[in-house]
PDB file of N, CA and C in Angstrom:
ATOM      1  N   MET A   1     146.654 101.512  56.298  1.00  0.00           N
ATOM      2  CA  MET A   1     145.328 101.110  55.881  1.00  0.00           C
ATOM      3  C   MET A   1     144.281 101.944  56.639  1.00  0.00           C
ATOM      4  N   VAL A   2     143.241 102.350  55.940  1.00  0.00           N
ATOM      5  CA  VAL A   2     142.198 103.188  56.522  1.00  0.00           C
ATOM      6  C   VAL A   2     141.107 102.294  57.107  1.00  0.00           C
ATOM      7  N   SER A   3     140.654 102.636  58.304  1.00  0.00           N
ATOM      8  CA  SER A   3     139.583 101.860  58.923  1.00  0.00           C
ATOM      9  C   SER A   3     138.256 102.171  58.241  1.00  0.00           C
ATOM     10  N   HIS A   4     137.220 101.420  58.580  1.00  0.00           N
ATOM     11  CA  HIS A   4     135.926 101.571  57.920  1.00  0.00           C
ATOM     12  C   HIS A   4     135.179 102.826  58.342  1.00  0.00           C
ATOM     13  N   ALA A   5     135.389 103.301  59.537  1.00  0.00           N
ATOM     14  CA  ALA A   5     134.734 104.529  60.009  1.00  0.00           C
ATOM     15  C   ALA A   5     135.565 105.129  61.139  1.00  0.00           C
ATOM     16  N   ALA A   6     135.470 106.432  61.269  1.00  0.00           N
ATOM     17  CA  ALA A   6     136.175 107.130  62.341  1.00  0.00           C
ATOM     18  C   ALA A   6     135.387 107.031  63.635  1.00  0.00           C
ATOM     19  N   GLN A   7     136.079 107.187  64.746  1.00  0.00           N
ATOM     20  CA  GLN A   7     135.405 107.225  66.038  1.00  0.00           C
ATOM     21  C   GLN A   7     134.512 108.458  66.105  1.00  0.00           C
ATOM     22  N   VAL A   8     133.377 108.295  66.720  1.00  0.00           N
ATOM     23  CA  VAL A   8     132.485 109.426  66.960  1.00  0.00           C
ATOM     24  C   VAL A   8     132.962 110.097  68.242  1.00  0.00           C
ATOM     25  N   PRO A   9     132.986 111.437  68.284  1.00  0.00           N
ATOM     26  CA  PRO A   9     133.421 112.102  69.522  1.00  0.00           C
ATOM     27  C   PRO A   9     132.622 111.613  70.725  1.00  0.00           C
ATOM     28  N   THR A  10     133.327 111.381  71.827  1.00  0.00           N
ATOM     29  CA  THR A  10     132.663 110.872  73.032  1.00  0.00           C
ATOM     30  C   THR A  10     132.014 111.983  73.838  1.00  0.00           C
ATOM     31  N   SER A  11     132.325 113.233  73.498  1.00  0.00           N
ATOM     32  CA  SER A  11     131.657 114.376  74.116  1.00  0.00           C
ATOM     33  C   SER A  11     131.732 115.538  73.149  1.00  0.00           C
ATOM     34  N   PHE A  12     130.909 116.539  73.369  1.00  0.00           N
ATOM     35  CA  PHE A  12     130.905 117.696  72.482  1.00  0.00           C
ATOM     36  C   PHE A  12     131.173 118.973  73.268  1.00  0.00           C
ATOM     37  N   GLY A  13     132.207 118.929  74.095  1.00  0.00           N
ATOM     38  CA  GLY A  13     132.584 120.097  74.887  1.00  0.00           C
ATOM     39  C   GLY A  13     133.848 120.734  74.352  1.00  0.00           C
ATOM     40  N   ARG A  14     134.558 121.405  75.229  1.00  0.00           N
ATOM     41  CA  ARG A  14     135.763 122.149  74.849  1.00  0.00           C
ATOM     42  C   ARG A  14     136.951 121.257  74.517  1.00  0.00           C
ATOM     43  N   GLU A  15     136.854 119.970  74.819  1.00  0.00           N
ATOM     44  CA  GLU A  15     137.987 119.074  74.544  1.00  0.00           C
ATOM     45  C   GLU A  15     138.030 118.596  73.093  1.00  0.00           C
ATOM     46  N   LEU A  16     137.082 119.053  72.266  1.00  0.00           N
ATOM     47  CA  LEU A  16     137.076 118.652  70.857  1.00  0.00           C
ATOM     48  C   LEU A  16     138.215 119.308  70.100  1.00  0.00           C
ATOM     49  N   ARG A  17     138.786 118.536  69.172  1.00  0.00           N
ATOM     50  CA  ARG A  17     139.849 119.032  68.300  1.00  0.00           C
ATOM     51  C   ARG A  17     139.544 118.569  66.889  1.00  0.00           C
ATOM     52  N   VAL A  18     140.185 119.208  65.923  1.00  0.00           N
ATOM     53  CA  VAL A  18     139.964 118.909  64.515  1.00  0.00           C
ATOM     54  C   VAL A  18     141.307 118.680  63.835  1.00  0.00           C
ATOM     55  N   CYS A  19     141.403 117.639  63.041  1.00  0.00           N
ATOM     56  CA  CYS A  19     142.608 117.390  62.262  1.00  0.00           C
ATOM     57  C   CYS A  19     142.768 118.521  61.239  1.00  0.00           C
ATOM     58  N   LEU A  20     143.939 119.111  61.201  1.00  0.00           N
ATOM     59  CA  LEU A  20     144.179 120.239  60.298  1.00  0.00           C
ATOM     60  C   LEU A  20     144.245 119.822  58.832  1.00  0.00           C
ATOM     61  N   ARG A  21     144.461 118.550  58.555  1.00  0.00           N
ATOM     62  CA  ARG A  21     144.483 118.106  57.165  1.00  0.00           C
ATOM     63  C   ARG A  21     143.105 117.713  56.659  1.00  0.00           C
ATOM     64  N   CYS A  22     142.390 116.883  57.420  1.00  0.00           N
ATOM     65  CA  CYS A  22     141.139 116.313  56.891  1.00  0.00           C
ATOM     66  C   CYS A  22     139.881 116.848  57.561  1.00  0.00           C
ATOM     67  N   ALA A  23     140.002 117.607  58.640  1.00  0.00           N
ATOM     68  CA  ALA A  23     138.885 118.215  59.378  1.00  0.00           C
ATOM     69  C   ALA A  23     138.074 117.210  60.206  1.00  0.00           C
ATOM     70  N   LEU A  24     138.618 116.035  60.466  1.00  0.00           N
ATOM     71  CA  LEU A  24     137.946 115.060  61.323  1.00  0.00           C
ATOM     72  C   LEU A  24     137.851 115.599  62.744  1.00  0.00           C
ATOM     73  N   VAL A  25     136.697 115.446  63.373  1.00  0.00           N
ATOM     74  CA  VAL A  25     136.452 115.955  64.725  1.00  0.00           C
ATOM     75  C   VAL A  25     136.448 114.786  65.713  1.00  0.00           C
ATOM     76  N   LYS A  26     137.297 114.879  66.734  1.00  0.00           N
ATOM     77  CA  LYS A  26     137.324 113.908  67.832  1.00  0.00           C
ATOM     78  C   LYS A  26     137.828 114.648  69.072  1.00  0.00           C
ATOM     79  N   THR A  27     137.790 113.979  70.206  1.00  0.00           N
ATOM     80  CA  THR A  27     138.364 114.573  71.406  1.00  0.00           C
ATOM     81  C   THR A  27     139.883 114.412  71.374  1.00  0.00           C
ATOM     82  N   TYR A  28     140.564 115.216  72.200  1.00  0.00           N
ATOM     83  CA  TYR A  28     142.018 115.098  72.313  1.00  0.00           C
ATOM     84  C   TYR A  28     142.400 113.658  72.654  1.00  0.00           C
ATOM     85  N   ASP A  29     141.717 113.065  73.637  1.00  0.00           N
ATOM     86  CA  ASP A  29     142.044 111.701  74.060  1.00  0.00           C
ATOM     87  C   ASP A  29     141.853 110.689  72.936  1.00  0.00           C
ATOM     88  N   GLN A  30     140.828 110.878  72.116  1.00  0.00           N
ATOM     89  CA  GLN A  30     140.612 109.952  70.996  1.00  0.00           C
ATOM     90  C   GLN A  30     141.747 110.059  69.974  1.00  0.00           C
ATOM     91  N   PHE A  31     142.183 111.281  69.658  1.00  0.00           N
ATOM     92  CA  PHE A  31     143.327 111.425  68.750  1.00  0.00           C
ATOM     93  C   PHE A  31     144.576 110.812  69.379  1.00  0.00           C
ATOM     94  N   LYS A  32     144.773 111.025  70.682  1.00  0.00           N
ATOM     95  CA  LYS A  32     145.947 110.499  71.384  1.00  0.00           C
ATOM     96  C   LYS A  32     145.942 108.970  71.392  1.00  0.00           C
ATOM     97  N   ASP A  33     144.760 108.377  71.575  1.00  0.00           N
ATOM     98  CA  ASP A  33     144.661 106.918  71.683  1.00  0.00           C
ATOM     99  C   ASP A  33     144.689 106.202  70.335  1.00  0.00           C
ATOM    100  N   SER A  34     144.038 106.777  69.312  1.00  0.00           N
ATOM    101  CA  SER A  34     143.935 106.046  68.043  1.00  0.00           C
ATOM    102  C   SER A  34     144.339 106.852  66.820  1.00  0.00           C
ATOM    103  N   GLY A  35     144.814 108.082  67.010  1.00  0.00           N
ATOM    104  CA  GLY A  35     145.240 108.891  65.877  1.00  0.00           C
ATOM    105  C   GLY A  35     144.074 109.327  65.008  1.00  0.00           C
ATOM    106  N   CYS A  36     144.392 109.733  63.797  1.00  0.00           N
ATOM    107  CA  CYS A  36     143.376 110.156  62.825  1.00  0.00           C
ATOM    108  C   CYS A  36     143.192 109.039  61.804  1.00  0.00           C
ATOM    109  N   GLU A  37     141.974 108.602  61.625  1.00  0.00           N
ATOM    110  CA  GLU A  37     141.703 107.497  60.710  1.00  0.00           C
ATOM    111  C   GLU A  37     142.029 107.830  59.254  1.00  0.00           C
ATOM    112  N   ASN A  38     142.002 109.108  58.888  1.00  0.00           N
ATOM    113  CA  ASN A  38     142.331 109.512  57.517  1.00  0.00           C
ATOM    114  C   ASN A  38     143.810 109.830  57.343  1.00  0.00           C
ATOM    115  N   CYS A  39     144.467 110.211  58.405  1.00  0.00           N
ATOM    116  CA  CYS A  39     145.854 110.690  58.342  1.00  0.00           C
ATOM    117  C   CYS A  39     146.748 109.865  59.263  1.00  0.00           C
ATOM    118  N   GLN A  40     146.720 108.571  59.111  1.00  0.00           N
ATOM    119  CA  GLN A  40     147.472 107.697  60.013  1.00  0.00           C
ATOM    120  C   GLN A  40     148.974 107.924  59.941  1.00  0.00           C
ATOM    121  N   PHE A  41     149.455 108.480  58.818  1.00  0.00           N
ATOM    122  CA  PHE A  41     150.885 108.744  58.655  1.00  0.00           C
ATOM    123  C   PHE A  41     151.400 109.815  59.619  1.00  0.00           C
ATOM    124  N   PHE A  42     150.508 110.580  60.263  1.00  0.00           N
ATOM    125  CA  PHE A  42     150.935 111.541  61.286  1.00  0.00           C
ATOM    126  C   PHE A  42     151.322 110.840  62.589  1.00  0.00           C
ATOM    127  N   ASN A  43     150.894 109.605  62.784  1.00  0.00           N
ATOM    128  CA  ASN A  43     151.243 108.804  63.968  1.00  0.00           C
ATOM    129  C   ASN A  43     150.927 109.517  65.278  1.00  0.00           C
ATOM    130  N   MET A  44     149.765 110.147  65.341  1.00  0.00           N
ATOM    131  CA  MET A  44     149.368 110.856  66.563  1.00  0.00           C
ATOM    132  C   MET A  44     149.252 109.913  67.754  1.00  0.00           C
ATOM    133  N   ASP A  45     148.921 108.651  67.499  1.00  0.00           N
ATOM    134  CA  ASP A  45     148.773 107.688  68.591  1.00  0.00           C
ATOM    135  C   ASP A  45     150.126 107.236  69.150  1.00  0.00           C
ATOM    136  N   LYS A  46     151.208 107.475  68.421  1.00  0.00           N
ATOM    137  CA  LYS A  46     152.539 107.084  68.885  1.00  0.00           C
ATOM    138  C   LYS A  46     153.332 108.270  69.425  1.00  0.00           C
ATOM    139  N   ASP A  47     153.018 109.478  68.967  1.00  0.00           N
ATOM    140  CA  ASP A  47     153.723 110.690  69.380  1.00  0.00           C
ATOM    141  C   ASP A  47     152.672 111.712  69.802  1.00  0.00           C
ATOM    142  N   HIS A  48     152.428 111.810  71.094  1.00  0.00           N
ATOM    143  CA  HIS A  48     151.321 112.619  71.595  1.00  0.00           C
ATOM    144  C   HIS A  48     151.493 114.113  71.335  1.00  0.00           C
ATOM    145  N   ASP A  49     152.733 114.579  71.149  1.00  0.00           N
ATOM    146  CA  ASP A  49     152.936 115.983  70.773  1.00  0.00           C
ATOM    147  C   ASP A  49     152.335 116.254  69.397  1.00  0.00           C
ATOM    148  N   ARG A  50     152.269 115.217  68.577  1.00  0.00           N
ATOM    149  CA  ARG A  50     151.694 115.360  67.237  1.00  0.00           C
ATOM    150  C   ARG A  50     150.214 115.718  67.289  1.00  0.00           C
ATOM    151  N   VAL A  51     149.523 115.287  68.326  1.00  0.00           N
ATOM    152  CA  VAL A  51     148.104 115.637  68.449  1.00  0.00           C
ATOM    153  C   VAL A  51     147.966 117.157  68.474  1.00  0.00           C
ATOM    154  N   LEU A  52     148.815 117.807  69.238  1.00  0.00           N
ATOM    155  CA  LEU A  52     148.767 119.270  69.322  1.00  0.00           C
ATOM    156  C   LEU A  52     149.257 119.926  68.031  1.00  0.00           C
ATOM    157  N   GLU A  53     150.223 119.299  67.341  1.00  0.00           N
ATOM    158  CA  GLU A  53     150.758 119.851  66.097  1.00  0.00           C
ATOM    159  C   GLU A  53     149.779 119.709  64.927  1.00  0.00           C
ATOM    160  N   CYS A  54     149.027 118.618  64.913  1.00  0.00           N
ATOM    161  CA  CYS A  54     148.213 118.284  63.742  1.00  0.00           C
ATOM    162  C   CYS A  54     146.725 118.562  63.926  1.00  0.00           C
ATOM    163  N   THR A  55     146.333 119.028  65.107  1.00  0.00           N
ATOM    164  CA  THR A  55     144.924 119.320  65.353  1.00  0.00           C
ATOM    165  C   THR A  55     144.776 120.721  65.937  1.00  0.00           C
ATOM    166  N   THR A  56     143.557 121.208  65.936  1.00  0.00           N
ATOM    167  CA  THR A  56     143.264 122.522  66.503  1.00  0.00           C
ATOM    168  C   THR A  56     141.887 122.504  67.162  1.00  0.00           C
ATOM    169  N   PRO A  57     141.697 123.307  68.200  1.00  0.00           N
ATOM    170  CA  PRO A  57     140.362 123.441  68.788  1.00  0.00           C
ATOM    171  C   PRO A  57     139.539 124.528  68.082  1.00  0.00           C
ATOM    172  N   ASN A  58     140.131 125.185  67.084  1.00  0.00           N
ATOM    173  CA  ASN A  58     139.501 126.325  66.417  1.00  0.00           C
ATOM    174  C   ASN A  58     138.772 125.900  65.143  1.00  0.00           C
ATOM    175  N   PHE A  59     137.487 125.672  65.281  1.00  0.00           N
ATOM    176  CA  PHE A  59     136.673 125.262  64.146  1.00  0.00           C
ATOM    177  C   PHE A  59     135.242 125.705  64.381  1.00  0.00           C
ATOM    178  N   ALA A  60     134.445 125.642  63.326  1.00  0.00           N
ATOM    179  CA  ALA A  60     133.022 125.995  63.448  1.00  0.00           C
ATOM    180  C   ALA A  60     132.191 124.937  62.737  1.00  0.00           C
ATOM    181  N   GLY A  61     131.107 124.532  63.374  1.00  0.00           N
ATOM    182  CA  GLY A  61     130.164 123.597  62.783  1.00  0.00           C
ATOM    183  C   GLY A  61     130.690 122.185  62.680  1.00  0.00           C
ATOM    184  N   VAL A  62     129.761 121.233  62.715  1.00  0.00           N
ATOM    185  CA  VAL A  62     130.107 119.820  62.585  1.00  0.00           C
ATOM    186  C   VAL A  62     129.076 119.162  61.679  1.00  0.00           C
ATOM    187  N   ILE A  63     129.559 118.314  60.781  1.00  0.00           N
ATOM    188  CA  ILE A  63     128.679 117.513  59.939  1.00  0.00           C
ATOM    189  C   ILE A  63     129.040 116.049  60.181  1.00  0.00           C
ATOM    190  N   SER A  64     128.032 115.223  60.328  1.00  0.00           N
ATOM    191  CA  SER A  64     128.259 113.785  60.435  1.00  0.00           C
ATOM    192  C   SER A  64     127.929 113.180  59.086  1.00  0.00           C
ATOM    193  N   CYS A  65     128.863 112.411  58.573  1.00  0.00           N
ATOM    194  CA  CYS A  65     128.688 111.853  57.232  1.00  0.00           C
ATOM    195  C   CYS A  65     128.897 110.347  57.279  1.00  0.00           C
ATOM    196  N   MET A  66     127.841 109.598  56.991  1.00  0.00           N
ATOM    197  CA  MET A  66     127.906 108.136  57.040  1.00  0.00           C
ATOM    198  C   MET A  66     128.339 107.516  55.711  1.00  0.00           C
ATOM    199  N   ASP A  67     128.109 108.232  54.583  1.00  0.00           N
ATOM    200  CA  ASP A  67     128.499 107.725  53.272  1.00  0.00           C
ATOM    201  C   ASP A  67     129.116 108.865  52.460  1.00  0.00           C
ATOM    202  N   PRO A  68     130.359 109.220  52.768  1.00  0.00           N
ATOM    203  CA  PRO A  68     130.987 110.367  52.110  1.00  0.00           C
ATOM    204  C   PRO A  68     131.059 110.253  50.591  1.00  0.00           C
ATOM    205  N   THR A  69     131.127 109.043  50.049  1.00  0.00           N
ATOM    206  CA  THR A  69     131.281 108.879  48.605  1.00  0.00           C
ATOM    207  C   THR A  69     130.058 109.320  47.814  1.00  0.00           C
ATOM    208  N   SER A  70     128.884 109.313  48.441  1.00  0.00           N
ATOM    209  CA  SER A  70     127.680 109.679  47.690  1.00  0.00           C
ATOM    210  C   SER A  70     127.010 110.951  48.206  1.00  0.00           C
ATOM    211  N   SER A  71     127.672 111.676  49.080  1.00  0.00           N
ATOM    212  CA  SER A  71     127.092 112.875  49.676  1.00  0.00           C
ATOM    213  C   SER A  71     127.561 114.129  48.949  1.00  0.00           C
ATOM    214  N   TRP A  72     126.614 114.957  48.519  1.00  0.00           N
ATOM    215  CA  TRP A  72     126.996 116.224  47.871  1.00  0.00           C
ATOM    216  C   TRP A  72     127.689 117.136  48.887  1.00  0.00           C
ATOM    217  N   ALA A  73     127.245 117.082  50.146  1.00  0.00           N
ATOM    218  CA  ALA A  73     127.871 117.907  51.182  1.00  0.00           C
ATOM    219  C   ALA A  73     129.321 117.475  51.398  1.00  0.00           C
ATOM    220  N   ALA A  74     129.576 116.172  51.353  1.00  0.00           N
ATOM    221  CA  ALA A  74     130.943 115.670  51.505  1.00  0.00           C
ATOM    222  C   ALA A  74     131.816 116.130  50.336  1.00  0.00           C
ATOM    223  N   ARG A  75     131.274 116.131  49.138  1.00  0.00           N
ATOM    224  CA  ARG A  75     132.040 116.622  47.987  1.00  0.00           C
ATOM    225  C   ARG A  75     132.339 118.114  48.155  1.00  0.00           C
ATOM    226  N   TRP A  76     131.348 118.878  48.592  1.00  0.00           N
ATOM    227  CA  TRP A  76     131.502 120.315  48.784  1.00  0.00           C
ATOM    228  C   TRP A  76     132.566 120.623  49.835  1.00  0.00           C
ATOM    229  N   LEU A  77     132.604 119.814  50.896  1.00  0.00           N
ATOM    230  CA  LEU A  77     133.580 120.008  51.976  1.00  0.00           C
ATOM    231  C   LEU A  77     134.925 119.325  51.701  1.00  0.00           C
ATOM    232  N   ARG A  78     135.052 118.665  50.575  1.00  0.00           N
ATOM    233  CA  ARG A  78     136.257 117.919  50.185  1.00  0.00           C
ATOM    234  C   ARG A  78     136.587 116.796  51.171  1.00  0.00           C
ATOM    235  N   ILE A  79     135.552 116.073  51.608  1.00  0.00           N
ATOM    236  CA  ILE A  79     135.767 114.930  52.500  1.00  0.00           C
ATOM    237  C   ILE A  79     135.228 113.639  51.895  1.00  0.00           C
ATOM    238  N   SER A  80     134.878 113.645  50.615  1.00  0.00           N
ATOM    239  CA  SER A  80     134.224 112.484  50.000  1.00  0.00           C
ATOM    240  C   SER A  80     135.131 111.259  49.916  1.00  0.00           C
ATOM    241  N   LYS A  81     136.441 111.441  50.029  1.00  0.00           N
ATOM    242  CA  LYS A  81     137.356 110.294  49.972  1.00  0.00           C
ATOM    243  C   LYS A  81     137.805 109.853  51.362  1.00  0.00           C
ATOM    244  N   PHE A  82     137.252 110.475  52.379  1.00  0.00           N
ATOM    245  CA  PHE A  82     137.623 110.132  53.748  1.00  0.00           C
ATOM    246  C   PHE A  82     136.646 109.125  54.339  1.00  0.00           C
ATOM    247  N   VAL A  83     136.989 108.582  55.506  1.00  0.00           N
ATOM    248  CA  VAL A  83     136.137 107.598  56.175  1.00  0.00           C
ATOM    249  C   VAL A  83     134.894 108.279  56.738  1.00  0.00           C
ATOM    250  N   PRO A  84     133.809 107.530  56.915  1.00  0.00           N
ATOM    251  CA  PRO A  84     132.631 108.098  57.574  1.00  0.00           C
ATOM    252  C   PRO A  84     133.007 108.611  58.966  1.00  0.00           C
ATOM    253  N   GLY A  85     132.396 109.717  59.374  1.00  0.00           N
ATOM    254  CA  GLY A  85     132.696 110.280  60.685  1.00  0.00           C
ATOM    255  C   GLY A  85     132.133 111.673  60.825  1.00  0.00           C
ATOM    256  N   CYS A  86     132.597 112.395  61.838  1.00  0.00           N
ATOM    257  CA  CYS A  86     132.181 113.769  62.099  1.00  0.00           C
ATOM    258  C   CYS A  86     133.288 114.703  61.634  1.00  0.00           C
ATOM    259  N   TYR A  87     132.909 115.729  60.866  1.00  0.00           N
ATOM    260  CA  TYR A  87     133.881 116.650  60.276  1.00  0.00           C
ATOM    261  C   TYR A  87     133.482 118.092  60.546  1.00  0.00           C
ATOM    262  N   ALA A  88     134.488 118.956  60.663  1.00  0.00           N
ATOM    263  CA  ALA A  88     134.250 120.381  60.867  1.00  0.00           C
ATOM    264  C   ALA A  88     133.868 121.034  59.545  1.00  0.00           C
ATOM    265  N   LEU A  89     132.976 122.030  59.613  1.00  0.00           N
ATOM    266  CA  LEU A  89     132.599 122.784  58.415  1.00  0.00           C
ATOM    267  C   LEU A  89     133.693 123.763  58.023  1.00  0.00           C
ATOM    268  N   THR A  90     134.269 124.468  58.994  1.00  0.00           N
ATOM    269  CA  THR A  90     135.401 125.353  58.752  1.00  0.00           C
ATOM    270  C   THR A  90     136.453 125.124  59.829  1.00  0.00           C
ATOM    271  N   VAL A  91     137.710 125.285  59.447  1.00  0.00           N
ATOM    272  CA  VAL A  91     138.834 125.062  60.349  1.00  0.00           C
ATOM    273  C   VAL A  91     139.747 126.271  60.283  1.00  0.00           C
ATOM    274  N   THR A  92     140.188 126.753  61.441  1.00  0.00           N
ATOM    275  CA  THR A  92     141.126 127.862  61.498  1.00  0.00           C
ATOM    276  C   THR A  92     142.497 127.314  61.879  1.00  0.00           C
ATOM    277  N   GLY A  93     143.471 127.564  61.037  1.00  0.00           N
ATOM    278  CA  GLY A  93     144.827 127.091  61.300  1.00  0.00           C
ATOM    279  C   GLY A  93     145.361 126.297  60.132  1.00  0.00           C
ATOM    280  N   GLU A  94     146.682 126.099  60.135  1.00  0.00           N
ATOM    281  CA  GLU A  94     147.346 125.347  59.078  1.00  0.00           C
ATOM    282  C   GLU A  94     148.401 124.433  59.691  1.00  0.00           C
ATOM    283  N   LEU A  95     148.712 123.370  58.971  1.00  0.00           N
ATOM    284  CA  LEU A  95     149.783 122.475  59.387  1.00  0.00           C
ATOM    285  C   LEU A  95     151.123 123.196  59.285  1.00  0.00           C
ATOM    286  N   SER A  96     152.039 122.844  60.173  1.00  0.00           N
ATOM    287  CA  SER A  96     153.392 123.395  60.112  1.00  0.00           C
ATOM    288  C   SER A  96     154.080 122.881  58.840  1.00  0.00           C
ATOM    289  N   GLU A  97     155.172 123.528  58.463  1.00  0.00           N
ATOM    290  CA  GLU A  97     155.920 123.087  57.279  1.00  0.00           C
ATOM    291  C   GLU A  97     156.406 121.653  57.443  1.00  0.00           C
ATOM    292  N   GLU A  98     156.786 121.286  58.664  1.00  0.00           N
ATOM    293  CA  GLU A  98     157.247 119.915  58.928  1.00  0.00           C
ATOM    294  C   GLU A  98     156.126 118.904  58.661  1.00  0.00           C
ATOM    295  N   MET A  99     154.916 119.216  59.124  1.00  0.00           N
ATOM    296  CA  MET A  99     153.793 118.298  58.905  1.00  0.00           C
ATOM    297  C   MET A  99     153.368 118.292  57.428  1.00  0.00           C
ATOM    298  N   GLN A 100     153.487 119.435  56.759  1.00  0.00           N
ATOM    299  CA  GLN A 100     153.197 119.482  55.328  1.00  0.00           C
ATOM    300  C   GLN A 100     154.192 118.609  54.565  1.00  0.00           C
ATOM    301  N   ALA A 101     155.451 118.596  55.004  1.00  0.00           N
ATOM    302  CA  ALA A 101     156.466 117.752  54.372  1.00  0.00           C
ATOM    303  C   ALA A 101     156.134 116.280  54.570  1.00  0.00           C
ATOM    304  N   ILE A 102     155.589 115.928  55.740  1.00  0.00           N
ATOM    305  CA  ILE A 102     155.183 114.538  55.978  1.00  0.00           C
ATOM    306  C   ILE A 102     154.067 114.152  55.017  1.00  0.00           C
ATOM    307  N   CYS A 103     153.130 115.061  54.778  1.00  0.00           N
ATOM    308  CA  CYS A 103     152.068 114.801  53.785  1.00  0.00           C
ATOM    309  C   CYS A 103     152.696 114.529  52.424  1.00  0.00           C
ATOM    310  N   GLU A 104     153.619 115.401  52.036  1.00  0.00           N
ATOM    311  CA  GLU A 104     154.269 115.263  50.736  1.00  0.00           C
ATOM    312  C   GLU A 104     155.035 113.946  50.640  1.00  0.00           C
ATOM    313  N   ASP A 105     155.750 113.577  51.703  1.00  0.00           N
ATOM    314  CA  ASP A 105     156.502 112.324  51.726  1.00  0.00           C
ATOM    315  C   ASP A 105     155.583 111.110  51.554  1.00  0.00           C
ATOM    316  N   ASN A 106     154.338 111.245  52.022  1.00  0.00           N
ATOM    317  CA  ASN A 106     153.364 110.156  51.916  1.00  0.00           C
ATOM    318  C   ASN A 106     152.478 110.286  50.673  1.00  0.00           C
ATOM    319  N   LYS A 107     152.862 111.219  49.776  1.00  0.00           N
ATOM    320  CA  LYS A 107     152.126 111.452  48.528  1.00  0.00           C
ATOM    321  C   LYS A 107     150.653 111.780  48.777  1.00  0.00           C
ATOM    322  N   VAL A 108     150.432 112.604  49.830  1.00  0.00           N
ATOM    323  CA  VAL A 108     149.098 113.037  50.207  1.00  0.00           C
ATOM    324  C   VAL A 108     149.037 114.543  50.011  1.00  0.00           C
ATOM    325  N   ARG A 109     148.034 114.994  49.279  1.00  0.00           N
ATOM    326  CA  ARG A 109     147.886 116.417  49.007  1.00  0.00           C
ATOM    327  C   ARG A 109     147.350 117.126  50.250  1.00  0.00           C
ATOM    328  N   TYR A 110     147.959 118.257  50.579  1.00  0.00           N
ATOM    329  CA  TYR A 110     147.483 119.066  51.696  1.00  0.00           C
ATOM    330  C   TYR A 110     146.961 120.394  51.152  1.00  0.00           C
ATOM    331  N   VAL A 111     145.717 120.700  51.441  1.00  0.00           N
ATOM    332  CA  VAL A 111     145.107 121.974  51.079  1.00  0.00           C
ATOM    333  C   VAL A 111     144.574 122.587  52.373  1.00  0.00           C
ATOM    334  N   PRO A 112     145.114 123.745  52.784  1.00  0.00           N
ATOM    335  CA  PRO A 112     144.616 124.372  54.023  1.00  0.00           C
ATOM    336  C   PRO A 112     143.101 124.569  53.950  1.00  0.00           C
ATOM    337  N   ARG A 113     142.420 124.379  55.070  1.00  0.00           N
ATOM    338  CA  ARG A 113     140.964 124.420  55.110  1.00  0.00           C
ATOM    339  C   ARG A 113     140.418 125.752  55.574  1.00  0.00           C
ATOM    340  N   SER A 114     141.276 126.737  55.871  1.00  0.00           N
ATOM    341  CA  SER A 114     140.755 128.011  56.379  1.00  0.00           C
ATOM    342  C   SER A 114     140.256 128.904  55.264  1.00  0.00           C
TER     343      SER A 114
END
């Protein structure tokens, strides 16, 4: 089940990471503690190595979106079906084949964001 909104990053320094599937921006510790609100099937909060596998520090720009369903910017960034939160404008990197298979197993479409 998806929560009502994603955690807002607690800082905006070098510890920020981005989910490679949905582009959600949070700190490493936030992903480790509560996982990704859009991609809970990755179980980042249960397997801390997954945080490193499913996120990257390589991104540019951040947009905060409080109502993704009605935002033209959210539609343009392909985040309109995700929870409200902070998202990267561009992401460098792709999920491993193993993580892509997990998306497929959960009937979730994965489109690289780079």
